[in-house]
Amino acid sequence: MIKSKRGGIGLRALASEIGISASTLSRVEQGNLPDIDTYLKLCTWLEVPSDFFTITNSDEENTKVEVIAHLRADKTLSPETSEALIQMINLAYDAAQKRN
């Protein structure tokens, strides 16, 4: 996207316009991943949403799924403990849905 939108603008001029170094812009154009600050600046310049990494908890199901994922990924918990907590969370959400 960057190369396409850049067109005939020079690398240094564009980097200055975006607010990043020319070497950083060159690396990104070559396929390297930018840091988050550079990513946000590039998204602004490209006029694309930068909320790709934003986590939203717009409803209970998203929250439940995220909590369960964290429990399963937690290396400090035994698999048995993790599964027991997941069962409790599922029961709590089921009970909440029945009340509503």
N, C-alpha and C. Protein backbone atom coordinates (compact mmCIF):
# COMPACT_ATOMS: atom_id res chain seq x y z
N MET A 1 0.82 -1.20 0.00
CA MET A 1 0.00 0.00 0.00
C MET A 1 0.86 1.26 0.00
N ILE A 2 1.95 1.19 0.74
CA ILE A 2 2.81 2.37 0.86
C ILE A 2 3.43 2.70 -0.49
N LYS A 3 4.03 1.70 -1.14
CA LYS A 3 4.66 1.94 -2.43
C LYS A 3 3.66 2.46 -3.45
N SER A 4 2.47 1.90 -3.42
CA SER A 4 1.44 2.31 -4.37
C SER A 4 1.03 3.76 -4.16
N LYS A 5 0.80 4.13 -2.90
CA LYS A 5 0.37 5.50 -2.62
C LYS A 5 1.53 6.49 -2.77
N ARG A 6 2.75 6.04 -2.49
CA ARG A 6 3.92 6.92 -2.57
C ARG A 6 4.12 7.44 -3.98
N GLY A 7 3.90 6.58 -4.96
CA GLY A 7 4.08 7.00 -6.34
C GLY A 7 5.46 7.53 -6.60
N GLY A 8 5.55 8.76 -7.11
CA GLY A 8 6.84 9.36 -7.46
C GLY A 8 7.48 10.15 -6.34
N ILE A 9 6.86 10.17 -5.17
CA ILE A 9 7.44 10.91 -4.05
C ILE A 9 8.70 10.19 -3.58
N GLY A 10 9.76 10.91 -3.36
CA GLY A 10 11.01 10.31 -2.90
C GLY A 10 10.88 9.73 -1.50
N LEU A 11 11.68 8.74 -1.23
CA LEU A 11 11.65 8.05 0.06
C LEU A 11 11.89 9.00 1.22
N ARG A 12 12.91 9.85 1.10
CA ARG A 12 13.22 10.79 2.18
C ARG A 12 12.11 11.82 2.39
N ALA A 13 11.56 12.32 1.31
CA ALA A 13 10.48 13.31 1.41
C ALA A 13 9.25 12.70 2.07
N LEU A 14 8.92 11.48 1.66
CA LEU A 14 7.75 10.84 2.23
C LEU A 14 7.97 10.51 3.70
N ALA A 15 9.14 9.99 4.04
CA ALA A 15 9.43 9.67 5.43
C ALA A 15 9.30 10.91 6.30
N SER A 16 9.80 12.03 5.81
CA SER A 16 9.69 13.28 6.54
C SER A 16 8.23 13.69 6.71
N GLU A 17 7.44 13.51 5.66
CA GLU A 17 6.02 13.84 5.71
C GLU A 17 5.29 12.97 6.74
N ILE A 18 5.63 11.70 6.78
CA ILE A 18 4.97 10.77 7.71
C ILE A 18 5.46 10.98 9.14
N GLY A 19 6.72 11.40 9.27
CA GLY A 19 7.30 11.61 10.60
C GLY A 19 8.14 10.44 11.07
N ILE A 20 8.73 9.72 10.12
CA ILE A 20 9.61 8.59 10.44
C ILE A 20 10.90 8.76 9.64
N SER A 21 11.90 7.94 9.94
CA SER A 21 13.16 8.04 9.20
C SER A 21 13.03 7.35 7.85
N ALA A 22 13.87 7.78 6.92
CA ALA A 22 13.87 7.18 5.60
C ALA A 22 14.27 5.71 5.67
N SER A 23 15.20 5.38 6.56
CA SER A 23 15.62 3.97 6.69
C SER A 23 14.48 3.10 7.23
N THR A 24 13.70 3.65 8.14
CA THR A 24 12.55 2.90 8.66
C THR A 24 11.54 2.67 7.55
N LEU A 25 11.25 3.71 6.78
CA LEU A 25 10.30 3.57 5.67
C LEU A 25 10.81 2.55 4.66
N SER A 26 12.08 2.58 4.37
CA SER A 26 12.66 1.63 3.43
C SER A 26 12.50 0.20 3.95
N ARG A 27 12.78 -0.01 5.23
CA ARG A 27 12.65 -1.36 5.81
C ARG A 27 11.19 -1.84 5.75
N VAL A 28 10.25 -0.97 6.03
CA VAL A 28 8.84 -1.34 5.98
C VAL A 28 8.43 -1.69 4.55
N GLU A 29 8.88 -0.89 3.60
CA GLU A 29 8.57 -1.18 2.19
C GLU A 29 9.18 -2.51 1.74
N GLN A 30 10.25 -2.93 2.39
CA GLN A 30 10.89 -4.20 2.05
C GLN A 30 10.25 -5.39 2.78
N GLY A 31 9.23 -5.09 3.58
CA GLY A 31 8.50 -6.18 4.23
C GLY A 31 8.75 -6.36 5.71
N ASN A 32 9.60 -5.53 6.31
CA ASN A 32 9.84 -5.63 7.75
C ASN A 32 8.66 -5.02 8.50
N LEU A 33 8.37 -5.57 9.67
CA LEU A 33 7.27 -5.06 10.48
C LEU A 33 7.70 -3.81 11.25
N PRO A 34 6.87 -2.78 11.25
CA PRO A 34 7.21 -1.56 12.00
C PRO A 34 6.87 -1.71 13.48
N ASP A 35 7.45 -0.83 14.31
CA ASP A 35 7.03 -0.78 15.70
C ASP A 35 5.65 -0.12 15.74
N ILE A 36 5.02 -0.12 16.88
CA ILE A 36 3.63 0.35 16.98
C ILE A 36 3.51 1.84 16.64
N ASP A 37 4.48 2.67 17.05
CA ASP A 37 4.41 4.10 16.74
C ASP A 37 4.48 4.34 15.23
N THR A 38 5.39 3.62 14.58
CA THR A 38 5.53 3.74 13.13
C THR A 38 4.27 3.23 12.45
N TYR A 39 3.76 2.12 12.94
CA TYR A 39 2.51 1.55 12.40
C TYR A 39 1.38 2.58 12.44
N LEU A 40 1.22 3.23 13.57
CA LEU A 40 0.15 4.22 13.71
C LEU A 40 0.35 5.40 12.76
N LYS A 41 1.59 5.86 12.62
CA LYS A 41 1.87 6.96 11.69
C LYS A 41 1.58 6.55 10.25
N LEU A 42 1.97 5.32 9.89
CA LEU A 42 1.70 4.84 8.54
C LEU A 42 0.20 4.71 8.28
N CYS A 43 -0.53 4.22 9.26
CA CYS A 43 -1.99 4.10 9.10
C CYS A 43 -2.63 5.46 8.90
N THR A 44 -2.17 6.45 9.64
CA THR A 44 -2.69 7.81 9.49
C THR A 44 -2.40 8.32 8.08
N TRP A 45 -1.17 8.15 7.62
CA TRP A 45 -0.81 8.62 6.28
C TRP A 45 -1.58 7.86 5.21
N LEU A 46 -1.75 6.55 5.40
CA LEU A 46 -2.48 5.74 4.42
C LEU A 46 -3.99 5.94 4.49
N GLU A 47 -4.43 6.61 5.57
CA GLU A 47 -5.86 6.85 5.80
C GLU A 47 -6.63 5.53 5.93
N VAL A 48 -6.04 4.63 6.73
CA VAL A 48 -6.69 3.37 7.04
C VAL A 48 -6.84 3.28 8.56
N PRO A 49 -7.83 2.52 9.03
CA PRO A 49 -8.02 2.40 10.48
C PRO A 49 -6.79 1.81 11.16
N SER A 50 -6.45 2.37 12.29
CA SER A 50 -5.29 1.87 13.03
C SER A 50 -5.71 1.05 14.23
N ASP A 51 -6.98 0.73 14.33
CA ASP A 51 -7.49 0.01 15.50
C ASP A 51 -7.43 -1.50 15.34
N PHE A 52 -6.57 -1.97 14.46
CA PHE A 52 -6.41 -3.40 14.22
C PHE A 52 -6.09 -4.14 15.51
N PHE A 53 -5.29 -3.51 16.39
CA PHE A 53 -4.86 -4.17 17.61
C PHE A 53 -5.76 -3.87 18.80
N THR A 54 -6.74 -3.06 18.61
CA THR A 54 -7.62 -2.70 19.70
C THR A 54 -8.49 -3.87 20.08
N ILE A 55 -8.51 -4.20 21.34
CA ILE A 55 -9.37 -5.27 21.84
C ILE A 55 -10.63 -4.63 22.38
N THR A 56 -11.75 -5.08 21.89
CA THR A 56 -13.02 -4.55 22.36
C THR A 56 -13.79 -5.65 23.07
N ASN A 57 -14.40 -5.28 24.14
CA ASN A 57 -15.26 -6.19 24.88
C ASN A 57 -16.68 -5.67 24.74
N SER A 58 -17.22 -5.73 23.55
CA SER A 58 -18.52 -5.14 23.30
C SER A 58 -19.66 -5.96 23.86
N ASP A 59 -19.43 -7.23 24.14
CA ASP A 59 -20.50 -8.03 24.72
C ASP A 59 -19.91 -9.09 25.63
N GLU A 60 -20.79 -9.76 26.38
CA GLU A 60 -20.34 -10.74 27.36
C GLU A 60 -19.60 -11.90 26.72
N GLU A 61 -20.00 -12.34 25.55
CA GLU A 61 -19.36 -13.49 24.90
C GLU A 61 -17.90 -13.20 24.59
N ASN A 62 -17.60 -11.98 24.12
CA ASN A 62 -16.20 -11.63 23.86
C ASN A 62 -15.38 -11.67 25.14
N THR A 63 -15.93 -11.15 26.22
CA THR A 63 -15.23 -11.14 27.50
C THR A 63 -14.98 -12.57 27.96
N LYS A 64 -16.01 -13.41 27.87
CA LYS A 64 -15.88 -14.80 28.30
C LYS A 64 -14.79 -15.51 27.49
N VAL A 65 -14.80 -15.34 26.20
CA VAL A 65 -13.81 -15.98 25.33
C VAL A 65 -12.40 -15.52 25.68
N GLU A 66 -12.23 -14.23 25.93
CA GLU A 66 -10.91 -13.71 26.28
C GLU A 66 -10.42 -14.25 27.61
N VAL A 67 -11.30 -14.31 28.61
CA VAL A 67 -10.91 -14.83 29.92
C VAL A 67 -10.49 -16.29 29.81
N ILE A 68 -11.27 -17.06 29.07
CA ILE A 68 -10.95 -18.48 28.90
C ILE A 68 -9.61 -18.65 28.17
N ALA A 69 -9.37 -17.84 27.16
CA ALA A 69 -8.11 -17.92 26.43
C ALA A 69 -6.93 -17.61 27.35
N HIS A 70 -7.09 -16.61 28.21
CA HIS A 70 -6.02 -16.27 29.15
C HIS A 70 -5.77 -17.41 30.14
N LEU A 71 -6.83 -18.02 30.62
CA LEU A 71 -6.66 -19.13 31.55
C LEU A 71 -5.94 -20.31 30.90
N ARG A 72 -6.30 -20.61 29.67
CA ARG A 72 -5.66 -21.72 28.98
C ARG A 72 -4.19 -21.43 28.67
N ALA A 73 -3.86 -20.17 28.48
CA ALA A 73 -2.48 -19.78 28.15
C ALA A 73 -1.60 -19.61 29.39
N ASP A 74 -2.21 -19.51 30.55
CA ASP A 74 -1.46 -19.26 31.79
C ASP A 74 -0.66 -20.49 32.18
N LYS A 75 0.66 -20.38 32.09
CA LYS A 75 1.55 -21.51 32.38
C LYS A 75 1.70 -21.76 33.89
N THR A 76 1.24 -20.82 34.72
CA THR A 76 1.36 -21.02 36.16
C THR A 76 0.25 -21.90 36.71
N LEU A 77 -0.82 -22.11 35.93
CA LEU A 77 -1.93 -22.96 36.35
C LEU A 77 -1.78 -24.36 35.77
N SER A 78 -2.14 -25.33 36.57
CA SER A 78 -2.16 -26.69 36.03
C SER A 78 -3.34 -26.80 35.07
N PRO A 79 -3.29 -27.73 34.13
CA PRO A 79 -4.43 -27.90 33.21
C PRO A 79 -5.73 -28.19 33.96
N GLU A 80 -5.65 -28.94 35.04
CA GLU A 80 -6.85 -29.25 35.82
C GLU A 80 -7.46 -27.99 36.45
N THR A 81 -6.59 -27.16 37.02
CA THR A 81 -7.05 -25.90 37.63
C THR A 81 -7.64 -24.98 36.58
N SER A 82 -6.96 -24.87 35.47
CA SER A 82 -7.45 -24.03 34.37
C SER A 82 -8.83 -24.49 33.91
N GLU A 83 -9.01 -25.78 33.70
CA GLU A 83 -10.30 -26.30 33.25
C GLU A 83 -11.38 -26.11 34.31
N ALA A 84 -11.03 -26.26 35.59
CA ALA A 84 -12.01 -26.04 36.66
C ALA A 84 -12.47 -24.58 36.67
N LEU A 85 -11.53 -23.66 36.52
CA LEU A 85 -11.90 -22.25 36.47
C LEU A 85 -12.76 -21.93 35.24
N ILE A 86 -12.42 -22.55 34.13
CA ILE A 86 -13.20 -22.34 32.90
C ILE A 86 -14.63 -22.84 33.08
N GLN A 87 -14.79 -23.98 33.74
CA GLN A 87 -16.14 -24.49 34.01
C GLN A 87 -16.92 -23.52 34.89
N MET A 88 -16.25 -22.96 35.91
CA MET A 88 -16.92 -21.99 36.78
C MET A 88 -17.33 -20.75 35.99
N ILE A 89 -16.47 -20.28 35.13
CA ILE A 89 -16.79 -19.09 34.33
C ILE A 89 -17.97 -19.37 33.40
N ASN A 90 -17.95 -20.53 32.76
CA ASN A 90 -19.08 -20.89 31.89
C ASN A 90 -20.38 -20.95 32.68
N LEU A 91 -20.35 -21.53 33.88
CA LEU A 91 -21.55 -21.60 34.72
C LEU A 91 -22.03 -20.20 35.11
N ALA A 92 -21.08 -19.33 35.45
CA ALA A 92 -21.44 -17.97 35.84
C ALA A 92 -22.09 -17.22 34.68
N TYR A 93 -21.55 -17.34 33.48
CA TYR A 93 -22.13 -16.66 32.33
C TYR A 93 -23.49 -17.27 31.96
N ASP A 94 -23.61 -18.60 32.08
CA ASP A 94 -24.91 -19.24 31.80
C ASP A 94 -25.96 -18.74 32.77
N ALA A 95 -25.60 -18.62 34.05
CA ALA A 95 -26.54 -18.13 35.07
C ALA A 95 -26.93 -16.68 34.78
N ALA A 96 -25.96 -15.89 34.36
CA ALA A 96 -26.25 -14.47 34.04
C ALA A 96 -27.21 -14.37 32.87
N GLN A 97 -27.03 -15.22 31.87
CA GLN A 97 -27.93 -15.19 30.70
C GLN A 97 -29.34 -15.59 31.09
N LYS A 98 -29.48 -16.53 32.00
CA LYS A 98 -30.81 -16.97 32.44
C LYS A 98 -31.53 -15.86 33.20
N ARG A 99 -30.76 -15.04 33.94
CA ARG A 99 -31.36 -13.91 34.69
C ARG A 99 -31.85 -12.83 33.74
N ASN A 100 -31.18 -12.69 32.62
CA ASN A 100 -31.54 -11.62 31.67
C ASN A 100 -32.60 -12.12 30.79
